[in-house]
């Protein structure tokens, strides 16, 4: 993927649009539908929400450490699949309310952090984390959820 050279506000606008699209894909599902396996692979929408929240929480922690004191994580997050597998049982065990809280709170934290960055802080490292953990991730799962809903 080519380097993202957009202005920070353009990226934040993209994050917002992608989040609205994701939320719209989820909106209107009943509690039973939210818990129904198979929306994304074997995951329910509830589990996808928790999964997205977990990645945004990681993004927040990583970027906060990086911005505050140049610290990068000791974990290598380049391959997301082992982390998804490691977290799967824990995220599946969350109640619907807990999944929604993680989904909403993590986004609130990461978006607040990003909104407060100065232009010069938006380096390639920050941009890569923002892409992978926000707008690109939202678009990926919104499309999957919409396709699943079309077959309900």
N, C-alpha and C. Protein backbone atom coordinates (compact mmCIF):
# COMPACT_ATOMS: atom_id res chain seq x y z
N UNK A 1 0.85 -1.17 0.00
CA UNK A 1 0.00 0.00 0.00
C UNK A 1 0.90 1.24 0.00
N UNK A 2 0.59 2.21 -0.84
CA UNK A 2 1.43 3.42 -0.88
C UNK A 2 1.35 4.20 0.43
N UNK A 3 2.38 4.96 0.68
CA UNK A 3 2.47 5.78 1.89
C UNK A 3 1.32 6.78 1.91
N UNK A 4 0.69 6.91 3.06
CA UNK A 4 -0.44 7.84 3.24
C UNK A 4 0.12 9.23 3.51
N UNK A 5 -0.05 10.13 2.56
CA UNK A 5 0.50 11.48 2.69
C UNK A 5 -0.59 12.53 2.96
N UNK A 6 -1.77 12.07 3.28
CA UNK A 6 -2.86 13.02 3.54
C UNK A 6 -2.58 13.84 4.79
N UNK A 7 -3.23 14.97 4.86
CA UNK A 7 -3.16 15.79 6.07
C UNK A 7 -3.85 15.04 7.22
N UNK A 8 -3.39 15.26 8.44
CA UNK A 8 -4.00 14.56 9.58
C UNK A 8 -5.52 14.71 9.65
N UNK A 9 -6.04 15.91 9.37
CA UNK A 9 -7.49 16.08 9.43
C UNK A 9 -8.20 15.22 8.39
N UNK A 10 -7.60 15.04 7.23
CA UNK A 10 -8.19 14.17 6.21
C UNK A 10 -8.24 12.73 6.71
N UNK A 11 -7.21 12.29 7.40
CA UNK A 11 -7.19 10.94 7.95
C UNK A 11 -8.25 10.80 9.04
N UNK A 12 -8.34 11.79 9.92
CA UNK A 12 -9.36 11.75 10.96
C UNK A 12 -10.77 11.73 10.36
N UNK A 13 -10.97 12.49 9.29
CA UNK A 13 -12.27 12.47 8.60
C UNK A 13 -12.55 11.08 8.03
N UNK A 14 -11.51 10.44 7.49
CA UNK A 14 -11.65 9.09 6.94
C UNK A 14 -12.00 8.11 8.06
N UNK A 15 -11.33 8.24 9.20
CA UNK A 15 -11.63 7.39 10.35
C UNK A 15 -13.11 7.56 10.73
N UNK A 16 -13.57 8.79 10.79
CA UNK A 16 -14.96 9.06 11.17
C UNK A 16 -15.94 8.46 10.17
N UNK A 17 -15.69 8.65 8.88
CA UNK A 17 -16.57 8.08 7.85
C UNK A 17 -16.61 6.56 7.93
N UNK A 18 -15.44 5.95 8.09
CA UNK A 18 -15.37 4.49 8.16
C UNK A 18 -16.08 3.97 9.41
N UNK A 19 -15.95 4.69 10.51
CA UNK A 19 -16.62 4.29 11.75
C UNK A 19 -18.13 4.40 11.61
N UNK A 20 -18.61 5.46 10.97
CA UNK A 20 -20.05 5.62 10.75
C UNK A 20 -20.56 4.48 9.86
N UNK A 21 -19.81 4.12 8.83
CA UNK A 21 -20.20 3.02 7.95
C UNK A 21 -20.26 1.70 8.72
N UNK A 22 -19.28 1.47 9.57
CA UNK A 22 -19.27 0.25 10.39
C UNK A 22 -20.47 0.24 11.34
N UNK A 23 -20.70 1.34 12.01
CA UNK A 23 -21.81 1.42 12.95
C UNK A 23 -23.14 1.23 12.23
N UNK A 24 -23.26 1.78 11.03
CA UNK A 24 -24.48 1.61 10.24
C UNK A 24 -24.69 0.15 9.85
N UNK A 25 -23.61 -0.58 9.60
CA UNK A 25 -23.72 -2.00 9.25
C UNK A 25 -24.23 -2.81 10.44
N UNK A 26 -23.94 -2.34 11.64
CA UNK A 26 -24.34 -3.04 12.87
C UNK A 26 -25.73 -2.60 13.33
N UNK A 27 -26.06 -1.34 13.09
CA UNK A 27 -27.29 -0.75 13.60
C UNK A 27 -28.53 -1.54 13.19
N UNK A 28 -29.42 -1.73 14.15
CA UNK A 28 -30.70 -2.37 13.86
C UNK A 28 -30.71 -3.87 14.07
N UNK A 29 -29.54 -4.47 14.31
CA UNK A 29 -29.51 -5.90 14.58
C UNK A 29 -30.06 -6.17 15.98
N UNK A 30 -30.83 -7.22 16.11
CA UNK A 30 -31.36 -7.60 17.42
C UNK A 30 -30.23 -8.20 18.26
N UNK A 31 -30.48 -8.35 19.56
CA UNK A 31 -29.49 -8.99 20.42
C UNK A 31 -29.18 -10.40 19.94
N UNK A 32 -30.19 -11.09 19.48
CA UNK A 32 -29.98 -12.45 18.97
C UNK A 32 -29.11 -12.44 17.72
N UNK A 33 -29.36 -11.49 16.82
CA UNK A 33 -28.56 -11.39 15.61
C UNK A 33 -27.12 -10.98 15.92
N UNK A 34 -26.94 -10.08 16.89
CA UNK A 34 -25.59 -9.65 17.28
C UNK A 34 -24.78 -10.82 17.82
N UNK A 35 -25.43 -11.79 18.43
CA UNK A 35 -24.74 -12.93 19.03
C UNK A 35 -24.68 -14.15 18.10
N UNK A 36 -25.24 -14.05 16.92
CA UNK A 36 -25.30 -15.18 15.99
C UNK A 36 -23.93 -15.42 15.34
N UNK A 37 -23.38 -16.62 15.49
CA UNK A 37 -22.09 -16.91 14.85
C UNK A 37 -22.19 -16.83 13.33
N UNK A 38 -21.07 -16.54 12.70
CA UNK A 38 -21.00 -16.59 11.25
C UNK A 38 -21.04 -15.25 10.53
N UNK A 39 -21.07 -14.17 11.26
CA UNK A 39 -21.09 -12.86 10.60
C UNK A 39 -19.77 -12.59 9.88
N UNK A 40 -18.67 -12.92 10.54
CA UNK A 40 -17.32 -12.78 9.98
C UNK A 40 -16.59 -14.07 10.32
N UNK A 41 -16.53 -14.96 9.34
CA UNK A 41 -15.98 -16.28 9.64
C UNK A 41 -16.88 -16.95 10.66
N UNK A 42 -16.30 -17.40 11.76
CA UNK A 42 -17.12 -18.02 12.82
C UNK A 42 -17.57 -17.00 13.86
N UNK A 43 -17.10 -15.77 13.76
CA UNK A 43 -17.41 -14.74 14.75
C UNK A 43 -18.80 -14.14 14.57
N UNK A 44 -19.41 -13.80 15.70
CA UNK A 44 -20.65 -13.03 15.68
C UNK A 44 -20.30 -11.55 15.56
N UNK A 45 -21.29 -10.72 15.33
CA UNK A 45 -21.07 -9.28 15.28
C UNK A 45 -20.58 -8.79 16.65
N UNK A 46 -21.13 -9.34 17.72
CA UNK A 46 -20.69 -9.00 19.07
C UNK A 46 -19.19 -9.26 19.22
N UNK A 47 -18.74 -10.37 18.72
CA UNK A 47 -17.31 -10.71 18.81
C UNK A 47 -16.47 -9.80 17.91
N UNK A 48 -16.99 -9.43 16.77
CA UNK A 48 -16.28 -8.50 15.89
C UNK A 48 -16.14 -7.14 16.57
N UNK A 49 -17.19 -6.70 17.25
CA UNK A 49 -17.12 -5.44 17.97
C UNK A 49 -16.04 -5.49 19.05
N UNK A 50 -15.99 -6.59 19.79
CA UNK A 50 -14.96 -6.75 20.83
C UNK A 50 -13.57 -6.81 20.21
N UNK A 51 -13.45 -7.50 19.09
CA UNK A 51 -12.18 -7.63 18.36
C UNK A 51 -11.69 -6.24 17.91
N UNK A 52 -12.57 -5.45 17.34
CA UNK A 52 -12.20 -4.11 16.91
C UNK A 52 -11.81 -3.26 18.11
N UNK A 53 -12.59 -3.36 19.18
CA UNK A 53 -12.26 -2.63 20.40
C UNK A 53 -10.90 -3.02 20.95
N UNK A 54 -10.58 -4.29 20.92
CA UNK A 54 -9.28 -4.74 21.42
C UNK A 54 -8.15 -4.14 20.60
N UNK A 55 -8.29 -4.15 19.28
CA UNK A 55 -7.23 -3.59 18.44
C UNK A 55 -7.11 -2.07 18.61
N UNK A 56 -8.23 -1.39 18.81
CA UNK A 56 -8.13 0.04 19.06
C UNK A 56 -7.49 0.32 20.43
N UNK A 57 -7.75 -0.55 21.40
CA UNK A 57 -7.09 -0.42 22.71
C UNK A 57 -5.59 -0.59 22.59
N UNK A 58 -5.18 -1.59 21.82
CA UNK A 58 -3.76 -1.81 21.58
C UNK A 58 -3.16 -0.60 20.87
N UNK A 59 -3.86 -0.11 19.85
CA UNK A 59 -3.40 1.07 19.11
C UNK A 59 -3.21 2.25 20.05
N UNK A 60 -4.16 2.46 20.91
CA UNK A 60 -4.08 3.57 21.87
C UNK A 60 -2.84 3.41 22.77
N UNK A 61 -2.67 2.23 23.33
CA UNK A 61 -1.53 2.00 24.22
C UNK A 61 -0.20 2.17 23.50
N UNK A 62 -0.11 1.61 22.30
CA UNK A 62 1.12 1.69 21.52
C UNK A 62 1.43 3.15 21.16
N UNK A 63 0.46 3.84 20.62
CA UNK A 63 0.70 5.22 20.18
C UNK A 63 0.93 6.16 21.35
N UNK A 64 0.26 5.94 22.46
CA UNK A 64 0.49 6.78 23.63
C UNK A 64 1.94 6.64 24.12
N UNK A 65 2.44 5.40 24.20
CA UNK A 65 3.83 5.19 24.60
C UNK A 65 4.81 5.77 23.60
N UNK A 66 4.50 5.64 22.33
CA UNK A 66 5.36 6.16 21.27
C UNK A 66 5.40 7.69 21.28
N UNK A 67 4.24 8.30 21.44
CA UNK A 67 4.16 9.76 21.41
C UNK A 67 4.76 10.37 22.68
N UNK A 68 4.49 9.76 23.81
CA UNK A 68 4.97 10.32 25.08
C UNK A 68 6.48 10.19 25.26
N UNK A 69 7.04 9.04 24.90
CA UNK A 69 8.48 8.88 25.13
C UNK A 69 9.19 8.04 24.07
N UNK A 70 8.64 7.98 22.88
CA UNK A 70 9.32 7.30 21.78
C UNK A 70 9.40 5.79 21.94
N UNK A 71 8.66 5.25 22.88
CA UNK A 71 8.69 3.82 23.17
C UNK A 71 7.85 3.05 22.15
N UNK A 72 8.42 1.97 21.64
CA UNK A 72 7.67 1.06 20.76
C UNK A 72 7.41 -0.23 21.53
N UNK A 73 6.36 -0.94 21.16
CA UNK A 73 6.00 -2.14 21.94
C UNK A 73 7.05 -3.24 21.82
N UNK A 74 7.10 -4.07 22.84
CA UNK A 74 8.00 -5.24 22.78
C UNK A 74 7.38 -6.34 21.94
N UNK A 75 6.07 -6.34 21.84
CA UNK A 75 5.36 -7.33 21.00
C UNK A 75 5.44 -6.88 19.54
N UNK A 76 5.53 -7.85 18.65
CA UNK A 76 5.52 -7.55 17.22
C UNK A 76 4.10 -7.79 16.70
N UNK A 77 3.39 -6.72 16.44
CA UNK A 77 1.99 -6.81 16.02
C UNK A 77 1.83 -6.91 14.50
N UNK A 78 2.93 -7.06 13.78
CA UNK A 78 2.86 -7.08 12.32
C UNK A 78 1.93 -8.18 11.80
N UNK A 79 1.93 -9.32 12.44
CA UNK A 79 1.03 -10.41 12.07
C UNK A 79 -0.09 -10.45 13.09
N UNK A 80 -1.26 -10.00 12.69
CA UNK A 80 -2.39 -9.88 13.62
C UNK A 80 -3.02 -11.22 13.98
N UNK A 81 -2.91 -12.20 13.11
CA UNK A 81 -3.64 -13.46 13.32
C UNK A 81 -3.32 -14.16 14.64
N UNK A 82 -2.06 -14.26 15.05
CA UNK A 82 -1.81 -14.91 16.35
C UNK A 82 -2.46 -14.16 17.51
N UNK A 83 -2.53 -12.85 17.43
CA UNK A 83 -3.17 -12.07 18.48
C UNK A 83 -4.68 -12.30 18.46
N UNK A 84 -5.26 -12.31 17.26
CA UNK A 84 -6.69 -12.59 17.16
C UNK A 84 -7.01 -13.95 17.78
N UNK A 85 -6.19 -14.94 17.49
CA UNK A 85 -6.41 -16.28 18.04
C UNK A 85 -6.21 -16.29 19.55
N UNK A 86 -5.20 -15.59 20.04
CA UNK A 86 -4.92 -15.55 21.48
C UNK A 86 -6.07 -14.90 22.24
N UNK A 87 -6.66 -13.87 21.66
CA UNK A 87 -7.71 -13.11 22.34
C UNK A 87 -9.11 -13.67 22.12
N UNK A 88 -9.25 -14.60 21.19
CA UNK A 88 -10.58 -15.04 20.75
C UNK A 88 -11.47 -15.53 21.89
N UNK A 89 -10.99 -16.43 22.72
CA UNK A 89 -11.83 -16.98 23.80
C UNK A 89 -12.22 -15.90 24.80
N UNK A 90 -11.28 -15.03 25.13
CA UNK A 90 -11.56 -13.94 26.07
C UNK A 90 -12.63 -13.01 25.51
N UNK A 91 -12.50 -12.65 24.25
CA UNK A 91 -13.46 -11.72 23.64
C UNK A 91 -14.83 -12.39 23.46
N UNK A 92 -14.83 -13.67 23.14
CA UNK A 92 -16.10 -14.40 22.97
C UNK A 92 -16.85 -14.45 24.31
N UNK A 93 -16.13 -14.53 25.41
CA UNK A 93 -16.74 -14.64 26.74
C UNK A 93 -17.37 -13.34 27.23
N UNK A 94 -17.06 -12.23 26.58
CA UNK A 94 -17.64 -10.95 27.00
C UNK A 94 -19.14 -10.95 26.74
N UNK A 95 -19.86 -10.29 27.62
CA UNK A 95 -21.29 -10.10 27.39
C UNK A 95 -21.47 -9.10 26.25
N UNK A 96 -22.69 -8.99 25.77
CA UNK A 96 -22.98 -8.00 24.73
C UNK A 96 -22.65 -6.60 25.25
N UNK A 97 -23.06 -6.30 26.48
CA UNK A 97 -22.79 -4.98 27.06
C UNK A 97 -21.28 -4.73 27.16
N UNK A 98 -20.52 -5.71 27.58
CA UNK A 98 -19.06 -5.55 27.69
C UNK A 98 -18.42 -5.35 26.32
N UNK A 99 -18.92 -6.06 25.32
CA UNK A 99 -18.40 -5.90 23.97
C UNK A 99 -18.67 -4.51 23.43
N UNK A 100 -19.88 -4.02 23.64
CA UNK A 100 -20.24 -2.67 23.19
C UNK A 100 -19.39 -1.63 23.92
N UNK A 101 -19.21 -1.80 25.23
CA UNK A 101 -18.39 -0.86 25.99
C UNK A 101 -16.95 -0.83 25.49
N UNK A 102 -16.38 -1.99 25.22
CA UNK A 102 -15.01 -2.05 24.68
C UNK A 102 -14.95 -1.37 23.32
N UNK A 103 -15.89 -1.68 22.47
CA UNK A 103 -15.98 -1.11 21.12
C UNK A 103 -16.05 0.42 21.17
N UNK A 104 -16.91 0.95 22.02
CA UNK A 104 -17.12 2.40 22.10
C UNK A 104 -15.99 3.10 22.86
N UNK A 105 -15.60 2.58 24.00
CA UNK A 105 -14.60 3.23 24.84
C UNK A 105 -13.23 3.26 24.17
N UNK A 106 -12.84 2.16 23.57
CA UNK A 106 -11.54 2.12 22.90
C UNK A 106 -11.49 3.14 21.77
N UNK A 107 -12.57 3.25 21.01
CA UNK A 107 -12.59 4.23 19.92
C UNK A 107 -12.52 5.65 20.47
N UNK A 108 -13.25 5.92 21.51
CA UNK A 108 -13.22 7.24 22.15
C UNK A 108 -11.79 7.60 22.56
N UNK A 109 -11.09 6.66 23.17
CA UNK A 109 -9.72 6.93 23.62
C UNK A 109 -8.77 7.17 22.45
N UNK A 110 -8.79 6.27 21.47
CA UNK A 110 -7.83 6.40 20.38
C UNK A 110 -8.14 7.64 19.54
N UNK A 111 -9.41 7.93 19.30
CA UNK A 111 -9.74 9.11 18.49
C UNK A 111 -9.37 10.38 19.24
N UNK A 112 -9.57 10.39 20.53
CA UNK A 112 -9.16 11.55 21.33
C UNK A 112 -7.66 11.77 21.28
N UNK A 113 -6.90 10.70 21.38
CA UNK A 113 -5.44 10.80 21.28
C UNK A 113 -5.03 11.35 19.92
N UNK A 114 -5.59 10.78 18.87
CA UNK A 114 -5.23 11.20 17.51
C UNK A 114 -5.63 12.65 17.25
N UNK A 115 -6.76 13.06 17.75
CA UNK A 115 -7.24 14.42 17.54
C UNK A 115 -6.33 15.46 18.19
N UNK A 116 -5.60 15.05 19.21
CA UNK A 116 -4.72 15.97 19.91
C UNK A 116 -3.30 16.01 19.38
N UNK A 117 -2.99 15.21 18.37
CA UNK A 117 -1.62 15.20 17.84
C UNK A 117 -1.34 16.42 16.99
N UNK A 118 -0.12 16.89 17.07
CA UNK A 118 0.34 17.95 16.18
C UNK A 118 0.69 17.33 14.82
N UNK A 119 0.65 18.12 13.78
CA UNK A 119 0.91 17.62 12.43
C UNK A 119 2.23 16.86 12.35
N UNK A 120 3.28 17.37 12.98
CA UNK A 120 4.60 16.72 12.90
C UNK A 120 4.64 15.37 13.61
N UNK A 121 3.65 15.08 14.45
CA UNK A 121 3.60 13.79 15.14
C UNK A 121 3.00 12.69 14.27
N UNK A 122 2.42 13.06 13.16
CA UNK A 122 1.81 12.09 12.26
C UNK A 122 2.86 11.50 11.32
N UNK A 123 3.80 10.79 11.88
CA UNK A 123 4.84 10.16 11.07
C UNK A 123 4.34 8.83 10.51
N UNK A 124 5.21 8.14 9.80
CA UNK A 124 4.81 6.88 9.17
C UNK A 124 4.36 5.83 10.17
N UNK A 125 4.98 5.79 11.33
CA UNK A 125 4.62 4.82 12.36
C UNK A 125 3.18 5.06 12.84
N UNK A 126 2.87 6.30 13.17
CA UNK A 126 1.52 6.65 13.62
C UNK A 126 0.51 6.35 12.52
N UNK A 127 0.81 6.76 11.30
CA UNK A 127 -0.10 6.55 10.19
C UNK A 127 -0.38 5.07 9.94
N UNK A 128 0.64 4.24 10.07
CA UNK A 128 0.46 2.80 9.86
C UNK A 128 -0.46 2.21 10.93
N UNK A 129 -0.25 2.61 12.17
CA UNK A 129 -1.12 2.11 13.24
C UNK A 129 -2.55 2.60 13.05
N UNK A 130 -2.72 3.85 12.66
CA UNK A 130 -4.06 4.40 12.47
C UNK A 130 -4.77 3.65 11.34
N UNK A 131 -4.08 3.42 10.26
CA UNK A 131 -4.70 2.71 9.14
C UNK A 131 -5.12 1.31 9.57
N UNK A 132 -4.20 0.56 10.15
CA UNK A 132 -4.48 -0.84 10.48
C UNK A 132 -5.50 -1.03 11.58
N UNK A 133 -5.53 -0.11 12.52
CA UNK A 133 -6.39 -0.29 13.69
C UNK A 133 -7.67 0.51 13.65
N UNK A 134 -7.82 1.37 12.67
CA UNK A 134 -9.05 2.16 12.59
C UNK A 134 -9.69 2.01 11.21
N UNK A 135 -9.50 3.00 10.35
CA UNK A 135 -10.31 3.06 9.14
C UNK A 135 -10.23 1.82 8.27
N UNK A 136 -9.07 1.26 8.05
CA UNK A 136 -8.96 0.07 7.20
C UNK A 136 -9.66 -1.12 7.86
N UNK A 137 -9.48 -1.26 9.15
CA UNK A 137 -10.10 -2.33 9.92
C UNK A 137 -11.63 -2.18 9.92
N UNK A 138 -12.11 -0.95 10.09
CA UNK A 138 -13.55 -0.70 10.09
C UNK A 138 -14.15 -1.05 8.72
N UNK A 139 -13.47 -0.62 7.66
CA UNK A 139 -13.98 -0.88 6.31
C UNK A 139 -14.04 -2.37 6.02
N UNK A 140 -12.99 -3.08 6.42
CA UNK A 140 -12.94 -4.53 6.21
C UNK A 140 -14.15 -5.21 6.85
N UNK A 141 -14.36 -4.95 8.13
CA UNK A 141 -15.43 -5.65 8.84
C UNK A 141 -16.82 -5.11 8.52
N UNK A 142 -16.94 -3.84 8.19
CA UNK A 142 -18.24 -3.31 7.77
C UNK A 142 -18.72 -4.02 6.51
N UNK A 143 -17.82 -4.21 5.56
CA UNK A 143 -18.18 -4.92 4.34
C UNK A 143 -18.61 -6.35 4.60
N UNK A 144 -17.89 -7.02 5.49
CA UNK A 144 -18.24 -8.40 5.83
C UNK A 144 -19.59 -8.48 6.53
N UNK A 145 -19.84 -7.56 7.44
CA UNK A 145 -21.11 -7.57 8.17
C UNK A 145 -22.26 -7.25 7.23
N UNK A 146 -22.07 -6.28 6.33
CA UNK A 146 -23.13 -5.96 5.35
C UNK A 146 -23.44 -7.18 4.47
N UNK A 147 -22.40 -7.87 4.03
CA UNK A 147 -22.61 -9.05 3.18
C UNK A 147 -23.36 -10.14 3.96
N UNK A 148 -23.02 -10.33 5.20
CA UNK A 148 -23.69 -11.31 6.05
C UNK A 148 -25.16 -10.93 6.23
N UNK A 149 -25.40 -9.65 6.48
CA UNK A 149 -26.79 -9.18 6.68
C UNK A 149 -27.63 -9.40 5.44
N UNK A 150 -27.02 -9.29 4.28
CA UNK A 150 -27.76 -9.50 3.03
C UNK A 150 -28.29 -10.94 2.91
N UNK A 151 -27.70 -11.84 3.68
CA UNK A 151 -28.11 -13.24 3.61
C UNK A 151 -28.91 -13.71 4.82
N UNK A 152 -29.27 -12.76 5.70
CA UNK A 152 -30.10 -13.12 6.87
C UNK A 152 -31.51 -13.44 6.45
